[in-house]
Full PDB file with SEQRES, HELIX, SHEET, SSBOND, CRYST1, ORIGX, SCALE, CONECT and MASTER records, all heavy atoms in Angstrom:
SEQRES   1 A   33  ARG VAL ILE ILE VAL ASP ASP LEU LEU ALA THR GLY GLY          
SEQRES   2 A   33  THR MET GLN ALA THR VAL ARG LEU VAL GLN GLN LEU GLY          
SEQRES   3 A   33  GLY HIS ILE GLY GLY LEU ALA                                  
HELIX    1 AA1 GLY A   13  GLN A   24  1                                  12    
SHEET    1 AA1 2 VAL A   2  ILE A   4  0                                        
SHEET    2 AA1 2 ILE A  29  LEU A  32  1                                        
CRYST1    1.000    1.000    1.000  90.00  90.00  90.00 P 1           1          
ORIGX1      1.000000  0.000000  0.000000        0.00000                         
ORIGX2      0.000000  1.000000  0.000000        0.00000                         
ORIGX3      0.000000  0.000000  1.000000        0.00000                         
SCALE1      1.000000  0.000000  0.000000        0.00000                         
SCALE2      0.000000  1.000000  0.000000        0.00000                         
SCALE3      0.000000  0.000000  1.000000        0.00000                         
ATOM      1  N   ARG A   1       0.851  -1.199   0.003  1.00  0.00           N  
ATOM      2  CA  ARG A   1       0.000   0.004   0.005  1.00  0.00           C  
ATOM      3  C   ARG A   1       0.874   1.244  -0.002  1.00  0.00           C  
ATOM      4  O   ARG A   1       1.859   1.303   0.741  1.00  0.00           O  
ATOM      5  CB  ARG A   1      -0.926   0.007   1.207  1.00  0.00           C  
ATOM      6  CG  ARG A   1      -2.048  -1.014   1.076  1.00  0.00           C  
ATOM      7  CD  ARG A   1      -3.000  -1.045   2.254  1.00  0.00           C  
ATOM      8  NE  ARG A   1      -3.526   0.243   2.646  1.00  0.00           N  
ATOM      9  CZ  ARG A   1      -4.605   0.831   2.116  1.00  0.00           C  
ATOM     10  NH1 ARG A   1      -5.271   0.224   1.165  1.00  0.00           N  
ATOM     11  NH2 ARG A   1      -5.030   1.992   2.561  1.00  0.00           N  
ATOM     12  N   VAL A   2       0.515   2.224  -0.825  1.00  0.00           N  
ATOM     13  CA  VAL A   2       1.350   3.393  -1.028  1.00  0.00           C  
ATOM     14  C   VAL A   2       0.499   4.648  -0.878  1.00  0.00           C  
ATOM     15  O   VAL A   2      -0.601   4.727  -1.422  1.00  0.00           O  
ATOM     16  CB  VAL A   2       1.969   3.369  -2.448  1.00  0.00           C  
ATOM     17  CG1 VAL A   2       2.782   4.612  -2.715  1.00  0.00           C  
ATOM     18  CG2 VAL A   2       2.807   2.109  -2.643  1.00  0.00           C  
ATOM     19  N   ILE A   3       1.015   5.615  -0.130  1.00  0.00           N  
ATOM     20  CA  ILE A   3       0.427   6.955  -0.092  1.00  0.00           C  
ATOM     21  C   ILE A   3       1.378   7.849  -0.870  1.00  0.00           C  
ATOM     22  O   ILE A   3       2.565   7.907  -0.562  1.00  0.00           O  
ATOM     23  CB  ILE A   3       0.247   7.476   1.340  1.00  0.00           C  
ATOM     24  CG1 ILE A   3      -0.757   6.594   2.073  1.00  0.00           C  
ATOM     25  CG2 ILE A   3      -0.195   8.929   1.329  1.00  0.00           C  
ATOM     26  CD1 ILE A   3      -0.934   6.938   3.523  1.00  0.00           C  
ATOM     27  N   ILE A   4       0.858   8.518  -1.870  1.00  0.00           N  
ATOM     28  CA  ILE A   4       1.686   9.385  -2.709  1.00  0.00           C  
ATOM     29  C   ILE A   4       1.517  10.827  -2.226  1.00  0.00           C  
ATOM     30  O   ILE A   4       0.400  11.317  -2.094  1.00  0.00           O  
ATOM     31  CB  ILE A   4       1.267   9.282  -4.190  1.00  0.00           C  
ATOM     32  CG1 ILE A   4       1.346   7.819  -4.654  1.00  0.00           C  
ATOM     33  CG2 ILE A   4       2.188  10.148  -5.055  1.00  0.00           C  
ATOM     34  CD1 ILE A   4       0.766   7.589  -6.032  1.00  0.00           C  
ATOM     35  N   VAL A   5       2.643  11.488  -1.990  1.00  0.00           N  
ATOM     36  CA  VAL A   5       2.647  12.879  -1.511  1.00  0.00           C  
ATOM     37  C   VAL A   5       3.370  13.741  -2.530  1.00  0.00           C  
ATOM     38  O   VAL A   5       4.469  13.411  -2.979  1.00  0.00           O  
ATOM     39  CB  VAL A   5       3.362  12.975  -0.143  1.00  0.00           C  
ATOM     40  CG1 VAL A   5       3.357  14.422   0.354  1.00  0.00           C  
ATOM     41  CG2 VAL A   5       2.696  12.044   0.869  1.00  0.00           C  
ATOM     42  N   ASP A   6       2.746  14.861  -2.892  1.00  0.00           N  
ATOM     43  CA  ASP A   6       3.344  15.800  -3.835  1.00  0.00           C  
ATOM     44  C   ASP A   6       3.107  17.214  -3.328  1.00  0.00           C  
ATOM     45  O   ASP A   6       2.238  17.429  -2.476  1.00  0.00           O  
ATOM     46  CB  ASP A   6       2.739  15.600  -5.229  1.00  0.00           C  
ATOM     47  CG  ASP A   6       3.609  16.163  -6.349  1.00  0.00           C  
ATOM     48  OD1 ASP A   6       4.689  16.722  -6.066  1.00  0.00           O  
ATOM     49  OD2 ASP A   6       3.212  16.040  -7.518  1.00  0.00           O  
ATOM     50  N   ASP A   7       3.852  18.154  -3.852  1.00  0.00           N  
ATOM     51  CA  ASP A   7       3.713  19.525  -3.389  1.00  0.00           C  
ATOM     52  C   ASP A   7       2.469  20.214  -3.955  1.00  0.00           C  
ATOM     53  O   ASP A   7       1.871  21.034  -3.273  1.00  0.00           O  
ATOM     54  CB  ASP A   7       4.962  20.355  -3.699  1.00  0.00           C  
ATOM     55  CG  ASP A   7       5.316  20.424  -5.186  1.00  0.00           C  
ATOM     56  OD1 ASP A   7       4.800  19.594  -5.959  1.00  0.00           O  
ATOM     57  OD2 ASP A   7       6.120  21.287  -5.551  1.00  0.00           O  
ATOM     58  N   LEU A   8       2.079  19.876  -5.199  1.00  0.00           N  
ATOM     59  CA  LEU A   8       1.018  20.642  -5.844  1.00  0.00           C  
ATOM     60  C   LEU A   8       0.084  19.742  -6.666  1.00  0.00           C  
ATOM     61  O   LEU A   8       0.546  18.898  -7.424  1.00  0.00           O  
ATOM     62  CB  LEU A   8       1.662  21.670  -6.805  1.00  0.00           C  
ATOM     63  CG  LEU A   8       0.711  22.529  -7.622  1.00  0.00           C  
ATOM     64  CD1 LEU A   8      -0.058  23.503  -6.720  1.00  0.00           C  
ATOM     65  CD2 LEU A   8       1.473  23.282  -8.693  1.00  0.00           C  
ATOM     66  N   LEU A   9      -1.206  19.960  -6.517  1.00  0.00           N  
ATOM     67  CA  LEU A   9      -2.209  19.345  -7.395  1.00  0.00           C  
ATOM     68  C   LEU A   9      -2.814  20.470  -8.225  1.00  0.00           C  
ATOM     69  O   LEU A   9      -3.489  21.342  -7.698  1.00  0.00           O  
ATOM     70  CB  LEU A   9      -3.310  18.631  -6.611  1.00  0.00           C  
ATOM     71  CG  LEU A   9      -4.469  18.082  -7.445  1.00  0.00           C  
ATOM     72  CD1 LEU A   9      -3.977  17.095  -8.512  1.00  0.00           C  
ATOM     73  CD2 LEU A   9      -5.508  17.435  -6.553  1.00  0.00           C  
ATOM     74  N   ALA A  10      -2.502  20.445  -9.525  1.00  0.00           N  
ATOM     75  CA  ALA A  10      -3.050  21.426 -10.446  1.00  0.00           C  
ATOM     76  C   ALA A  10      -4.052  20.702 -11.362  1.00  0.00           C  
ATOM     77  O   ALA A  10      -5.162  20.418 -10.953  1.00  0.00           O  
ATOM     78  CB  ALA A  10      -1.929  22.112 -11.220  1.00  0.00           C  
ATOM     79  N   THR A  11      -3.625  20.330 -12.563  1.00  0.00           N  
ATOM     80  CA  THR A  11      -4.516  19.622 -13.480  1.00  0.00           C  
ATOM     81  C   THR A  11      -4.550  18.118 -13.221  1.00  0.00           C  
ATOM     82  O   THR A  11      -5.433  17.426 -13.692  1.00  0.00           O  
ATOM     83  CB  THR A  11      -4.100  19.862 -14.951  1.00  0.00           C  
ATOM     84  OG1 THR A  11      -2.782  19.326 -15.145  1.00  0.00           O  
ATOM     85  CG2 THR A  11      -4.128  21.350 -15.290  1.00  0.00           C  
ATOM     86  N   GLY A  12      -3.549  17.597 -12.515  1.00  0.00           N  
ATOM     87  CA  GLY A  12      -3.539  16.182 -12.146  1.00  0.00           C  
ATOM     88  C   GLY A  12      -2.750  15.282 -13.093  1.00  0.00           C  
ATOM     89  O   GLY A  12      -2.653  14.071 -12.852  1.00  0.00           O  
ATOM     90  N   GLY A  13      -2.158  15.815 -14.138  1.00  0.00           N  
ATOM     91  CA  GLY A  13      -1.442  14.999 -15.106  1.00  0.00           C  
ATOM     92  C   GLY A  13      -0.255  14.253 -14.540  1.00  0.00           C  
ATOM     93  O   GLY A  13      -0.074  13.050 -14.782  1.00  0.00           O  
ATOM     94  N   THR A  14       0.554  14.931 -13.764  1.00  0.00           N  
ATOM     95  CA  THR A  14       1.731  14.300 -13.170  1.00  0.00           C  
ATOM     96  C   THR A  14       1.305  13.222 -12.178  1.00  0.00           C  
ATOM     97  O   THR A  14       1.870  12.117 -12.151  1.00  0.00           O  
ATOM     98  CB  THR A  14       2.613  15.349 -12.461  1.00  0.00           C  
ATOM     99  OG1 THR A  14       3.003  16.346 -13.392  1.00  0.00           O  
ATOM    100  CG2 THR A  14       3.859  14.687 -11.863  1.00  0.00           C  
ATOM    101  N   MET A  15       0.275  13.491 -11.394  1.00  0.00           N  
ATOM    102  CA  MET A  15      -0.190  12.497 -10.424  1.00  0.00           C  
ATOM    103  C   MET A  15      -0.808  11.302 -11.124  1.00  0.00           C  
ATOM    104  O   MET A  15      -0.649  10.160 -10.661  1.00  0.00           O  
ATOM    105  CB  MET A  15      -1.167  13.130  -9.428  1.00  0.00           C  
ATOM    106  CG  MET A  15      -1.568  12.181  -8.327  1.00  0.00           C  
ATOM    107  SD  MET A  15      -0.190  11.446  -7.381  1.00  0.00           S  
ATOM    108  CE  MET A  15       0.489  12.870  -6.564  1.00  0.00           C  
ATOM    109  N   GLN A  16      -1.511  11.503 -12.225  1.00  0.00           N  
ATOM    110  CA  GLN A  16      -2.054  10.362 -12.970  1.00  0.00           C  
ATOM    111  C   GLN A  16      -0.921   9.439 -13.428  1.00  0.00           C  
ATOM    112  O   GLN A  16      -1.017   8.224 -13.327  1.00  0.00           O  
ATOM    113  CB  GLN A  16      -2.847  10.831 -14.181  1.00  0.00           C  
ATOM    114  CG  GLN A  16      -4.227  11.304 -13.855  1.00  0.00           C  
ATOM    115  CD  GLN A  16      -4.981  11.687 -15.115  1.00  0.00           C  
ATOM    116  OE1 GLN A  16      -4.485  12.427 -15.958  1.00  0.00           O  
ATOM    117  NE2 GLN A  16      -6.191  11.161 -15.256  1.00  0.00           N  
ATOM    118  N   ALA A  17       0.157  10.017 -13.922  1.00  0.00           N  
ATOM    119  CA  ALA A  17       1.306   9.220 -14.358  1.00  0.00           C  
ATOM    120  C   ALA A  17       1.934   8.500 -13.160  1.00  0.00           C  
ATOM    121  O   ALA A  17       2.323   7.336 -13.264  1.00  0.00           O  
ATOM    122  CB  ALA A  17       2.322  10.112 -15.052  1.00  0.00           C  
ATOM    123  N   THR A  18       2.020   9.170 -12.041  1.00  0.00           N  
ATOM    124  CA  THR A  18       2.588   8.577 -10.832  1.00  0.00           C  
ATOM    125  C   THR A  18       1.747   7.402 -10.361  1.00  0.00           C  
ATOM    126  O   THR A  18       2.270   6.340 -10.014  1.00  0.00           O  
ATOM    127  CB  THR A  18       2.708   9.649  -9.726  1.00  0.00           C  
ATOM    128  OG1 THR A  18       3.536  10.714 -10.213  1.00  0.00           O  
ATOM    129  CG2 THR A  18       3.304   9.081  -8.466  1.00  0.00           C  
ATOM    130  N   VAL A  19       0.448   7.561 -10.354  1.00  0.00           N  
ATOM    131  CA  VAL A  19      -0.477   6.484  -9.969  1.00  0.00           C  
ATOM    132  C   VAL A  19      -0.283   5.291 -10.902  1.00  0.00           C  
ATOM    133  O   VAL A  19      -0.221   4.139 -10.465  1.00  0.00           O  
ATOM    134  CB  VAL A  19      -1.938   6.974  -9.971  1.00  0.00           C  
ATOM    135  CG1 VAL A  19      -2.921   5.825  -9.938  1.00  0.00           C  
ATOM    136  CG2 VAL A  19      -2.182   7.920  -8.797  1.00  0.00           C  
ATOM    137  N   ARG A  20      -0.163   5.556 -12.201  1.00  0.00           N  
ATOM    138  CA  ARG A  20       0.039   4.463 -13.167  1.00  0.00           C  
ATOM    139  C   ARG A  20       1.324   3.703 -12.870  1.00  0.00           C  
ATOM    140  O   ARG A  20       1.369   2.478 -12.966  1.00  0.00           O  
ATOM    141  CB  ARG A  20       0.071   4.998 -14.596  1.00  0.00           C  
ATOM    142  CG  ARG A  20      -1.311   5.286 -15.147  1.00  0.00           C  
ATOM    143  CD  ARG A  20      -1.308   5.421 -16.662  1.00  0.00           C  
ATOM    144  NE  ARG A  20      -0.241   6.257 -17.141  1.00  0.00           N  
ATOM    145  CZ  ARG A  20      -0.397   7.436 -17.734  1.00  0.00           C  
ATOM    146  NH1 ARG A  20      -1.594   7.929 -17.916  1.00  0.00           N  
ATOM    147  NH2 ARG A  20       0.635   8.126 -18.154  1.00  0.00           N  
ATOM    148  N   LEU A  21       2.387   4.431 -12.536  1.00  0.00           N  
ATOM    149  CA  LEU A  21       3.659   3.772 -12.223  1.00  0.00           C  
ATOM    150  C   LEU A  21       3.554   2.885 -10.987  1.00  0.00           C  
ATOM    151  O   LEU A  21       4.053   1.763 -10.978  1.00  0.00           O  
ATOM    152  CB  LEU A  21       4.769   4.812 -11.992  1.00  0.00           C  
ATOM    153  CG  LEU A  21       5.555   5.231 -13.210  1.00  0.00           C  
ATOM    154  CD1 LEU A  21       6.582   6.297 -12.844  1.00  0.00           C  
ATOM    155  CD2 LEU A  21       6.240   4.066 -13.863  1.00  0.00           C  
ATOM    156  N   VAL A  22       2.915   3.390  -9.941  1.00  0.00           N  
ATOM    157  CA  VAL A  22       2.741   2.587  -8.725  1.00  0.00           C  
ATOM    158  C   VAL A  22       1.950   1.327  -9.049  1.00  0.00           C  
ATOM    159  O   VAL A  22       2.322   0.219  -8.627  1.00  0.00           O  
ATOM    160  CB  VAL A  22       2.035   3.425  -7.625  1.00  0.00           C  
ATOM    161  CG1 VAL A  22       1.596   2.549  -6.457  1.00  0.00           C  
ATOM    162  CG2 VAL A  22       2.955   4.538  -7.136  1.00  0.00           C  
ATOM    163  N   GLN A  23       0.896   1.458  -9.817  1.00  0.00           N  
ATOM    164  CA  GLN A  23       0.080   0.301 -10.193  1.00  0.00           C  
ATOM    165  C   GLN A  23       0.848  -0.664 -11.082  1.00  0.00           C  
ATOM    166  O   GLN A  23       0.721  -1.873 -10.958  1.00  0.00           O  
ATOM    167  CB  GLN A  23      -1.205   0.767 -10.873  1.00  0.00           C  
ATOM    168  CG  GLN A  23      -2.131   1.489  -9.913  1.00  0.00           C  
ATOM    169  CD  GLN A  23      -3.306   2.167 -10.605  1.00  0.00           C  
ATOM    170  OE1 GLN A  23      -3.250   2.481 -11.791  1.00  0.00           O  
ATOM    171  NE2 GLN A  23      -4.367   2.379  -9.854  1.00  0.00           N  
ATOM    172  N   GLN A  24       1.686  -0.125 -11.974  1.00  0.00           N  
ATOM    173  CA  GLN A  24       2.522  -0.942 -12.848  1.00  0.00           C  
ATOM    174  C   GLN A  24       3.430  -1.863 -12.038  1.00  0.00           C  
ATOM    175  O   GLN A  24       3.688  -2.991 -12.435  1.00  0.00           O  
ATOM    176  CB  GLN A  24       3.384  -0.021 -13.716  1.00  0.00           C  
ATOM    177  CG  GLN A  24       3.552  -0.403 -15.138  1.00  0.00           C  
ATOM    178  CD  GLN A  24       4.304   0.694 -15.884  1.00  0.00           C  
ATOM    179  OE1 GLN A  24       5.233   1.295 -15.360  1.00  0.00           O  
ATOM    180  NE2 GLN A  24       3.886   0.919 -17.104  1.00  0.00           N  
ATOM    181  N   LEU A  25       3.921  -1.369 -10.912  1.00  0.00           N  
ATOM    182  CA  LEU A  25       4.813  -2.147 -10.055  1.00  0.00           C  
ATOM    183  C   LEU A  25       4.033  -3.028  -9.075  1.00  0.00           C  
ATOM    184  O   LEU A  25       4.630  -3.693  -8.236  1.00  0.00           O  
ATOM    185  CB  LEU A  25       5.761  -1.227  -9.297  1.00  0.00           C  
ATOM    186  CG  LEU A  25       6.782  -0.484 -10.176  1.00  0.00           C  
ATOM    187  CD1 LEU A  25       7.661   0.430  -9.325  1.00  0.00           C  
ATOM    188  CD2 LEU A  25       7.634  -1.428 -10.982  1.00  0.00           C  
ATOM    189  N   GLY A  26       2.702  -3.001  -9.146  1.00  0.00           N  
ATOM    190  CA  GLY A  26       1.893  -3.868  -8.307  1.00  0.00           C  
ATOM    191  C   GLY A  26       1.469  -3.230  -6.992  1.00  0.00           C  
ATOM    192  O   GLY A  26       0.906  -3.900  -6.131  1.00  0.00           O  
ATOM    193  N   GLY A  27       1.727  -1.941  -6.810  1.00  0.00           N  
ATOM    194  CA  GLY A  27       1.337  -1.248  -5.587  1.00  0.00           C  
ATOM    195  C   GLY A  27      -0.140  -0.887  -5.587  1.00  0.00           C  
ATOM    196  O   GLY A  27      -0.767  -0.782  -6.645  1.00  0.00           O  
ATOM    197  N   HIS A  28      -0.685  -0.710  -4.394  1.00  0.00           N  
ATOM    198  CA  HIS A  28      -2.077  -0.291  -4.213  1.00  0.00           C  
ATOM    199  C   HIS A  28      -2.079   1.100  -3.602  1.00  0.00           C  
ATOM    200  O   HIS A  28      -1.414   1.342  -2.595  1.00  0.00           O  
ATOM    201  CB  HIS A  28      -2.832  -1.266  -3.317  1.00  0.00           C  
ATOM    202  CG  HIS A  28      -2.889  -2.648  -3.862  1.00  0.00           C  
ATOM    203  ND1 HIS A  28      -3.689  -2.996  -4.936  1.00  0.00           N  
ATOM    204  CD2 HIS A  28      -2.228  -3.773  -3.517  1.00  0.00           C  
ATOM    205  CE1 HIS A  28      -3.518  -4.268  -5.215  1.00  0.00           C  
ATOM    206  NE2 HIS A  28      -2.628  -4.762  -4.369  1.00  0.00           N  
ATOM    207  N   ILE A  29      -2.829   2.009  -4.186  1.00  0.00           N  
ATOM    208  CA  ILE A  29      -2.867   3.393  -3.717  1.00  0.00           C  
ATOM    209  C   ILE A  29      -3.734   3.497  -2.465  1.00  0.00           C  
ATOM    210  O   ILE A  29      -4.925   3.214  -2.520  1.00  0.00           O  
ATOM    211  CB  ILE A  29      -3.416   4.340  -4.813  1.00  0.00           C  
ATOM    212  CG1 ILE A  29      -2.685   4.161  -6.136  1.00  0.00           C  
ATOM    213  CG2 ILE A  29      -3.391   5.778  -4.334  1.00  0.00           C  
ATOM    214  CD1 ILE A  29      -1.211   4.465  -6.108  1.00  0.00           C  
ATOM    215  N   GLY A  30      -3.132   3.903  -1.357  1.00  0.00           N  
ATOM    216  CA  GLY A  30      -3.850   4.098  -0.107  1.00  0.00           C  
ATOM    217  C   GLY A  30      -4.396   5.516   0.025  1.00  0.00           C  
ATOM    218  O   GLY A  30      -5.273   5.783   0.831  1.00  0.00           O  
ATOM    219  N   GLY A  31      -3.867   6.457  -0.759  1.00  0.00           N  
ATOM    220  CA  GLY A  31      -4.334   7.821  -0.720  1.00  0.00           C  
ATOM    221  C   GLY A  31      -3.344   8.741  -1.420  1.00  0.00           C  
ATOM    222  O   GLY A  31      -2.214   8.346  -1.733  1.00  0.00           O  
ATOM    223  N   LEU A  32      -3.785   9.964  -1.665  1.00  0.00           N  
ATOM    224  CA  LEU A  32      -2.974  11.001  -2.294  1.00  0.00           C  
ATOM    225  C   LEU A  32      -2.978  12.221  -1.390  1.00  0.00           C  
ATOM    226  O   LEU A  32      -4.048  12.610  -0.897  1.00  0.00           O  
ATOM    227  CB  LEU A  32      -3.540  11.366  -3.681  1.00  0.00           C  
ATOM    228  CG  LEU A  32      -3.828  10.227  -4.649  1.00  0.00           C  
ATOM    229  CD1 LEU A  32      -4.495  10.755  -5.894  1.00  0.00           C  
ATOM    230  CD2 LEU A  32      -2.551   9.481  -4.987  1.00  0.00           C  
ATOM    231  N   ALA A  33      -1.835  12.832  -1.210  1.00  0.00           N  
ATOM    232  CA  ALA A  33      -1.735  14.030  -0.349  1.00  0.00           C  
ATOM    233  C   ALA A  33      -0.932  15.108  -1.058  1.00  0.00           C  
ATOM    234  O   ALA A  33       0.037  14.820  -1.756  1.00  0.00           O  
ATOM    235  CB  ALA A  33      -1.078  13.662   0.977  1.00  0.00           C  
TER     236      ALA A  33                                                      
MASTER        0    0    0    1    2    0    0    6  235    1    0    3          
END                                                                             
């Protein structure tokens, strides 16, 4: 389980790519901050 933390949420493009990478490695998203 992974919680992803970033400094800024604007349009969400970077976070969408980050979520895809975590899922690609078999991780489960516990939340975004």
